[in-house]
């Protein structure tokens, strides 16, 4: 079928202790649906791991409030290497993850009661969207954003991934990926200067060009009702030469390692990205028709945006639904389109309490 973007499936988060990280994200961010867990060798990521297969441990976690998941990822064959410098707005790559919340006041009050590392009060961005920032247990920066989309109300005060804040060298160059390939065709704002809502944050005293992107179409993939809408914020430093967030480090080291989109039409996408000058750097279809991840299976590929951000695409073939009875969904045997909400709601049976 023709290429179709279905929403953000997950944001990759490199960590130093995967079980500690999953417990923290489960407790505080409500990422308690464990879609899969696997310890294996990352055989196909050689262009981004210095040409060597790397041992790793990964957990894909979701929040049924709505939004993308976390792929929590730990190097186990080497010591995970954190950044050696303070990351600042505009540094190249994924600088912050965006989380959605249906009630930002409630989320802020709860996080404050939990003594989490809140970095700002509730602020308004240039489009008057409400948000605040905090650090997680590893110092990763998260922006919690008010959003009205809700898949299924949960006890957590936040939902899943709403997007990302990405540092770029040149906004116009990076738009070739985020607008033309990923389909973020609506500009919510495009501003320059010192940002009032970034005061007190790393690099917040400097001048930037800042552009917030949305998509005008409604995602219509099998899992789109869970993922919901998303946004991308591109940030270009105007006062300093930015650093590469993964300078002298490998993909999978601590921090935000990639942004992953659920798609249909991998073959058409392969043709499109080649024509637009962003060919796959990794393509699982060159080695196998279906990449087996234990209970889940599919094909995946990566491109690299002009600023260096790795964008993953996953075409899901099979995914577990009710693990206790071995019931999974084979998406290769059904017509394209959203799965029924009642069926997707059964993901709660994979909740870790």
Protein backbone atom coordinates (compact mmCIF):
# COMPACT_ATOMS: atom_id res chain seq x y z
CA UNK A 1 0.00 0.00 0.00
CA UNK A 2 1.01 3.65 -0.31
CA UNK A 3 3.17 5.10 2.45
CA UNK A 4 1.11 6.17 5.45
CA UNK A 5 2.32 7.70 8.72
CA UNK A 6 0.23 6.39 11.64
CA UNK A 7 1.66 8.37 14.55
CA UNK A 8 4.59 8.32 16.96
CA UNK A 9 4.99 4.72 18.09
CA UNK A 10 7.72 5.47 20.61
CA UNK A 11 10.56 7.70 21.69
CA UNK A 12 13.80 5.85 22.31
CA UNK A 13 15.33 6.56 25.73
CA UNK A 14 18.82 5.29 26.45
CA UNK A 15 19.39 4.49 30.14
CA UNK A 16 22.01 3.05 32.49
CA UNK A 17 19.69 0.65 34.36
CA UNK A 18 16.68 -0.59 32.42
CA UNK A 19 14.72 -2.06 35.33
CA UNK A 20 15.24 1.05 37.45
CA UNK A 21 14.16 3.21 34.50
CA UNK A 22 11.04 1.15 33.74
CA UNK A 23 10.00 1.26 37.41
CA UNK A 24 10.44 5.06 37.51
CA UNK A 25 8.60 5.72 34.23
CA UNK A 26 5.84 3.33 35.29
CA UNK A 27 5.34 5.02 38.66
CA UNK A 28 5.61 8.68 37.67
CA UNK A 29 4.68 8.82 33.95
CA UNK A 30 2.17 5.95 33.90
CA UNK A 31 4.13 3.97 31.28
CA UNK A 32 2.87 0.68 32.70
CA UNK A 33 1.83 -1.38 29.64
CA UNK A 34 4.80 -3.61 28.78
CA UNK A 35 4.39 -4.41 25.07
CA UNK A 36 7.62 -6.37 24.90
CA UNK A 37 10.90 -6.93 26.69
CA UNK A 38 13.92 -8.46 25.02
CA UNK A 39 17.62 -8.89 25.71
CA UNK A 40 19.45 -9.51 22.44
CA UNK A 41 22.14 -8.32 20.06
CA UNK A 42 21.52 -5.18 17.98
CA UNK A 43 22.82 -6.72 14.78
CA UNK A 44 21.44 -4.28 12.21
CA UNK A 45 22.37 -0.89 13.69
CA UNK A 46 26.00 -1.05 12.59
CA UNK A 47 26.05 2.38 10.87
CA UNK A 48 25.28 3.92 14.26
CA UNK A 49 27.26 1.61 16.58
CA UNK A 50 30.76 1.96 15.11
CA UNK A 51 30.26 -1.03 12.84
CA UNK A 52 29.91 -3.53 15.70
CA UNK A 53 26.86 -5.52 16.87
CA UNK A 54 25.96 -4.43 20.40
CA UNK A 55 24.35 -6.34 23.25
CA UNK A 56 21.29 -4.54 24.53
CA UNK A 57 18.18 -4.87 26.66
CA UNK A 58 14.98 -3.10 25.57
CA UNK A 59 11.46 -2.60 26.93
CA UNK A 60 8.61 -1.01 24.97
CA UNK A 61 6.15 0.61 27.39
CA UNK A 62 2.83 2.39 26.70
CA UNK A 63 0.38 4.56 28.60
CA UNK A 64 -3.29 3.99 27.70
CA UNK A 65 -4.12 7.62 28.39
CA UNK A 66 -2.89 8.08 24.80
CA UNK A 67 0.35 9.04 23.09
CA UNK A 68 3.43 7.22 21.89
CA UNK A 69 5.41 4.79 24.02
CA UNK A 70 8.92 4.67 25.42
CA UNK A 71 11.50 2.27 24.03
CA UNK A 72 13.68 2.05 27.10
CA UNK A 73 17.10 0.87 25.88
CA UNK A 74 20.28 -0.12 27.70
CA UNK A 75 23.68 -1.14 26.36
CA UNK A 76 24.66 -4.36 28.18
CA UNK A 77 27.83 -5.21 26.23
CA UNK A 78 29.52 -1.96 27.19
CA UNK A 79 29.19 0.74 29.80
CA UNK A 80 26.51 3.28 28.83
CA UNK A 81 28.21 6.65 28.34
CA UNK A 82 26.27 9.79 29.38
CA UNK A 83 27.04 13.19 27.79
CA UNK A 84 30.26 14.83 28.93
CA UNK A 85 28.82 18.37 28.72
CA UNK A 86 25.64 20.17 29.75
CA UNK A 87 23.06 19.94 26.99
CA UNK A 88 21.45 23.23 25.98
CA UNK A 89 18.55 24.25 23.78
CA UNK A 90 19.66 24.13 20.18
CA UNK A 91 22.18 21.32 20.65
CA UNK A 92 21.76 18.95 17.74
CA UNK A 93 19.33 16.08 18.12
CA UNK A 94 16.45 15.32 20.46
CA UNK A 95 16.88 17.72 23.38
CA UNK A 96 13.58 17.04 25.19
CA UNK A 97 10.68 14.63 25.03
CA UNK A 98 7.13 15.97 25.01
CA UNK A 99 4.53 14.26 27.21
CA UNK A 100 0.81 14.95 26.91
CA UNK A 101 -1.52 15.57 29.81
CA UNK A 102 -5.28 16.00 29.84
CA UNK A 103 -5.08 18.16 32.99
CA UNK A 104 -1.86 20.14 33.31
CA UNK A 105 -2.73 21.68 36.68
CA UNK A 106 -3.33 18.24 38.18
CA UNK A 107 -0.10 16.90 36.67
CA UNK A 108 1.94 19.82 38.01
CA UNK A 109 0.47 19.54 41.53
CA UNK A 110 1.02 15.76 41.62
CA UNK A 111 4.61 15.97 40.37
CA UNK A 112 5.32 18.67 42.96
CA UNK A 113 3.84 16.48 45.71
CA UNK A 114 6.10 13.65 44.56
CA UNK A 115 9.12 16.00 44.82
CA UNK A 116 10.06 15.47 41.21
CA UNK A 117 12.67 17.77 39.71
CA UNK A 118 10.39 20.48 38.31
CA UNK A 119 12.35 23.13 36.43
CA UNK A 120 9.59 25.64 35.63
CA UNK A 121 6.12 26.62 36.69
CA UNK A 122 3.29 26.20 34.18
CA UNK A 123 4.13 28.51 31.26
CA UNK A 124 2.63 29.51 27.90
CA UNK A 125 4.52 28.96 24.64
CA UNK A 126 4.27 31.49 21.76
CA UNK A 127 0.94 29.93 20.72
CA UNK A 128 -0.32 30.15 24.34
CA UNK A 129 -0.17 26.38 24.82
CA UNK A 130 0.31 25.46 28.50
CA UNK A 131 3.38 23.45 29.47
CA UNK A 132 6.10 22.92 32.07
CA UNK A 133 9.50 21.21 32.17
CA UNK A 134 11.05 18.66 34.50
CA UNK A 135 14.03 16.30 34.64
CA UNK A 136 13.66 12.57 35.11
CA UNK A 137 15.91 10.44 37.32
CA UNK A 138 18.71 10.52 34.70
CA UNK A 139 18.51 14.24 34.01
CA UNK A 140 16.60 13.88 30.72
CA UNK A 141 14.45 16.92 30.00
CA UNK A 142 10.68 16.44 29.54
CA UNK A 143 8.11 19.01 28.49
CA UNK A 144 4.62 18.25 29.80
CA UNK A 145 2.03 19.73 27.41
CA UNK A 146 -1.70 20.31 27.81
CA UNK A 147 -3.58 18.37 25.14
CA UNK A 148 -7.25 17.45 24.89
CA UNK A 149 -6.79 14.07 23.17
CA UNK A 150 -7.61 11.11 25.40
CA UNK A 151 -7.68 7.44 24.45
CA UNK A 152 -8.75 5.95 27.78
CA UNK A 153 -8.67 7.69 31.17
CA UNK A 154 -6.07 6.24 33.49
CA UNK A 155 -4.89 6.90 37.04
CA UNK A 156 -1.72 8.56 35.76
CA UNK A 157 -1.62 12.36 35.46
CA UNK A 158 0.17 12.26 32.11
CA UNK A 159 -0.23 10.31 28.92
CA UNK A 160 2.43 9.11 26.53
CA UNK A 161 4.76 10.79 24.05
CA UNK A 162 3.36 13.89 22.33
CA UNK A 163 6.47 14.70 20.29
CA UNK A 164 9.95 16.09 20.77
CA UNK A 165 12.03 19.26 20.96
CA UNK A 166 14.83 18.90 18.41
CA UNK A 167 17.91 21.06 17.98
CA UNK A 168 18.80 21.73 14.33
CA UNK A 169 21.58 23.47 12.40
CA UNK A 170 19.22 25.02 9.85
CA UNK A 171 15.44 24.95 10.23
CA UNK A 172 14.83 25.13 6.49
CA UNK A 173 17.02 22.09 5.81
CA UNK A 174 15.43 20.03 8.59
CA UNK A 175 11.91 20.86 7.41
CA UNK A 176 12.64 18.68 4.38
CA UNK A 177 12.30 15.69 6.74
CA UNK A 178 9.73 16.87 9.28
CA UNK A 179 7.33 18.52 6.82
CA UNK A 180 7.88 16.69 3.54
CA UNK A 181 8.47 13.13 4.79
CA UNK A 182 6.78 13.04 8.22
CA UNK A 183 3.83 15.21 7.20
CA UNK A 184 3.94 18.00 9.80
CA UNK A 185 2.37 20.45 7.38
CA UNK A 186 0.97 23.05 9.80
CA UNK A 187 3.12 25.73 11.43
CA UNK A 188 1.65 26.68 14.84
CA UNK A 189 4.34 29.34 15.34
CA UNK A 190 7.69 30.42 13.95
CA UNK A 191 9.42 32.94 16.23
CA UNK A 192 12.88 34.33 16.94
CA UNK A 193 14.42 35.83 20.05
CA UNK A 194 14.90 35.07 23.74
CA UNK A 195 12.05 32.82 24.91
CA UNK A 196 10.22 33.88 28.07
CA UNK A 197 9.06 30.34 28.83
CA UNK A 198 12.63 28.98 28.71
CA UNK A 199 14.05 31.24 31.41
CA UNK A 200 16.08 29.21 33.90
CA UNK A 201 16.47 26.24 31.53
CA UNK A 202 19.84 25.22 30.03
CA UNK A 203 20.68 27.80 27.35
CA UNK A 204 17.41 29.62 27.95
CA UNK A 205 19.12 33.03 28.07
CA UNK A 206 20.18 32.84 24.41
CA UNK A 207 18.41 33.72 21.15
CA UNK A 208 16.76 31.05 19.02
CA UNK A 209 14.54 30.44 16.06
CA UNK A 210 11.77 28.18 17.28
CA UNK A 211 9.10 26.56 15.12
CA UNK A 212 6.26 24.30 16.29
CA UNK A 213 4.84 21.86 13.73
CA UNK A 214 1.54 19.97 13.72
CA UNK A 215 -0.17 17.70 11.19
CA UNK A 216 -3.49 18.57 9.56
CA UNK A 217 -4.51 14.99 8.74
CA UNK A 218 -5.89 12.51 11.26
CA UNK A 219 -3.74 9.39 11.62
CA UNK A 220 -5.58 6.27 10.41
CA UNK A 221 -3.32 3.33 11.21
CA UNK A 222 -4.19 0.25 13.25
CA UNK A 223 -2.86 1.79 16.50
CA UNK A 224 -3.53 5.47 15.72
CA UNK A 225 -6.38 5.72 18.27
CA UNK A 226 -3.80 5.05 21.01
CA UNK A 227 -1.06 7.27 19.57
CA UNK A 228 -3.27 10.30 18.86
CA UNK A 229 -1.89 13.57 17.43
CA UNK A 230 1.68 14.76 17.85
CA UNK A 231 3.89 17.83 17.45
CA UNK A 232 7.52 18.53 16.62
CA UNK A 233 9.40 21.62 17.83
CA UNK A 234 12.56 22.60 15.95
CA UNK A 235 15.05 24.89 17.67
CA UNK A 236 17.94 26.67 15.94
CA UNK A 237 20.55 28.50 18.00
CA UNK A 238 21.23 32.06 16.80
CA UNK A 239 23.95 32.97 19.33
CA UNK A 240 26.30 30.00 19.47
CA UNK A 241 27.59 27.00 17.56
CA UNK A 242 25.57 24.02 18.86
CA UNK A 243 27.09 20.70 19.88
CA UNK A 244 26.00 17.26 18.73
CA UNK A 245 24.10 15.67 21.64
CA UNK A 246 25.73 12.30 20.88
CA UNK A 247 29.21 13.69 20.31
CA UNK A 248 31.78 10.90 20.92
CA UNK A 249 28.98 8.51 21.96
CA UNK A 250 26.97 5.71 20.35
CA UNK A 251 23.33 5.30 19.49
CA UNK A 252 21.77 3.69 22.59
CA UNK A 253 23.87 5.62 25.08
CA UNK A 254 21.90 7.61 27.69
CA UNK A 255 19.52 10.24 26.36
CA UNK A 256 16.92 10.41 23.61
CA UNK A 257 18.22 8.06 20.93
CA UNK A 258 15.54 8.17 18.21
CA UNK A 259 11.97 9.08 17.35
CA UNK A 260 9.93 6.18 15.93
CA UNK A 261 6.86 6.34 13.68
CA UNK A 262 4.39 3.53 13.04
CA UNK A 263 3.80 3.32 9.29
CA UNK A 264 2.32 1.33 6.45
CA UNK A 265 3.91 1.09 3.02
CA UNK A 266 7.61 0.56 3.79
CA UNK A 267 8.44 -0.07 0.11
CA UNK A 268 6.90 3.23 -0.99
CA UNK A 269 8.62 5.03 1.87
CA UNK A 270 11.97 3.56 0.81
CA UNK A 271 11.48 5.00 -2.67
CA UNK A 272 10.36 8.39 -1.33
CA UNK A 273 13.26 8.93 1.06
CA UNK A 274 15.75 7.93 -1.64
CA UNK A 275 14.26 10.48 -4.03
CA UNK A 276 14.33 13.20 -1.36
CA UNK A 277 17.97 12.57 -0.42
CA UNK A 278 17.48 10.80 2.91
CA UNK A 279 18.01 7.09 2.15
CA UNK A 280 17.61 4.42 4.81
CA UNK A 281 20.76 4.04 6.90
CA UNK A 282 19.32 0.81 8.35
CA UNK A 283 16.79 -1.39 6.53
CA UNK A 284 15.73 -4.68 8.15
CA UNK A 285 14.08 -5.82 4.90
CA UNK A 286 17.52 -6.29 3.36
CA UNK A 287 18.15 -9.14 5.82
CA UNK A 288 14.69 -10.62 6.43
CA UNK A 289 11.05 -10.16 5.49
CA UNK A 290 10.00 -9.93 9.14
CA UNK A 291 12.17 -8.92 12.07
CA UNK A 292 11.23 -11.10 15.04
CA UNK A 293 11.19 -9.37 18.45
CA UNK A 294 9.87 -12.31 20.43
CA UNK A 295 6.12 -11.82 20.74
CA UNK A 296 6.13 -8.93 18.25
CA UNK A 297 7.35 -8.79 14.67
CA UNK A 298 7.61 -6.34 11.79
CA UNK A 299 10.07 -4.49 9.60
CA UNK A 300 11.98 -1.37 10.54
CA UNK A 301 14.23 1.22 8.95
CA UNK A 302 16.01 4.45 9.89
CA UNK A 303 16.80 7.73 8.20
CA UNK A 304 19.00 10.51 9.56
CA UNK A 305 17.67 14.07 9.51
CA UNK A 306 20.06 16.89 8.47
CA UNK A 307 20.90 17.74 12.10
CA UNK A 308 21.67 14.07 12.87
CA UNK A 309 18.43 12.95 14.55
CA UNK A 310 17.64 9.30 13.89
CA UNK A 311 14.06 8.72 12.73
CA UNK A 312 12.85 5.13 12.89
CA UNK A 313 9.95 3.69 10.90
CA UNK A 314 8.22 0.47 11.96
CA UNK A 315 5.70 -1.46 9.89
CA UNK A 316 4.10 -3.78 12.44
CA UNK A 317 3.23 -7.31 11.31
CA UNK A 318 2.35 -8.94 14.62
CA UNK A 319 1.85 -7.68 18.15
CA UNK A 320 0.73 -9.41 21.39
CA UNK A 321 -2.73 -8.58 22.69
CA UNK A 322 -3.57 -11.03 25.50
CA UNK A 323 -0.26 -12.56 26.52
CA UNK A 324 -1.73 -15.05 29.03
CA UNK A 325 -3.52 -16.99 26.30
CA UNK A 326 -1.01 -16.28 23.53
CA UNK A 327 -3.43 -14.08 21.55
CA UNK A 328 -1.70 -11.74 19.13
CA UNK A 329 -2.85 -9.61 16.19
CA UNK A 330 -1.54 -10.48 12.73
CA UNK A 331 -1.83 -7.19 10.84
CA UNK A 332 -0.80 -8.76 7.56
CA UNK A 333 -4.16 -10.57 7.48
CA UNK A 334 -6.48 -7.60 7.96
CA UNK A 335 -7.50 -4.56 5.96
CA UNK A 336 -5.72 -1.29 6.75
CA UNK A 337 -7.39 1.10 9.16
CA UNK A 338 -7.78 1.69 12.92
CA UNK A 339 -8.40 -1.27 15.18
CA UNK A 340 -11.57 -1.01 17.31
CA UNK A 341 -11.04 0.94 20.52
CA UNK A 342 -12.39 -1.95 22.61
CA UNK A 343 -9.74 -4.22 21.11
CA UNK A 344 -6.91 -1.76 21.74
CA UNK A 345 -8.19 -1.32 25.30
CA UNK A 346 -7.23 -4.95 25.94
CA UNK A 347 -3.62 -3.79 26.13
CA UNK A 348 -4.44 -3.19 29.82
CA UNK A 349 -3.94 -6.94 30.30
CA UNK A 350 -0.20 -6.35 29.80
CA UNK A 351 -0.10 -3.76 32.60
CA UNK A 352 2.69 -4.09 35.16
CA UNK A 353 1.50 -2.99 38.58
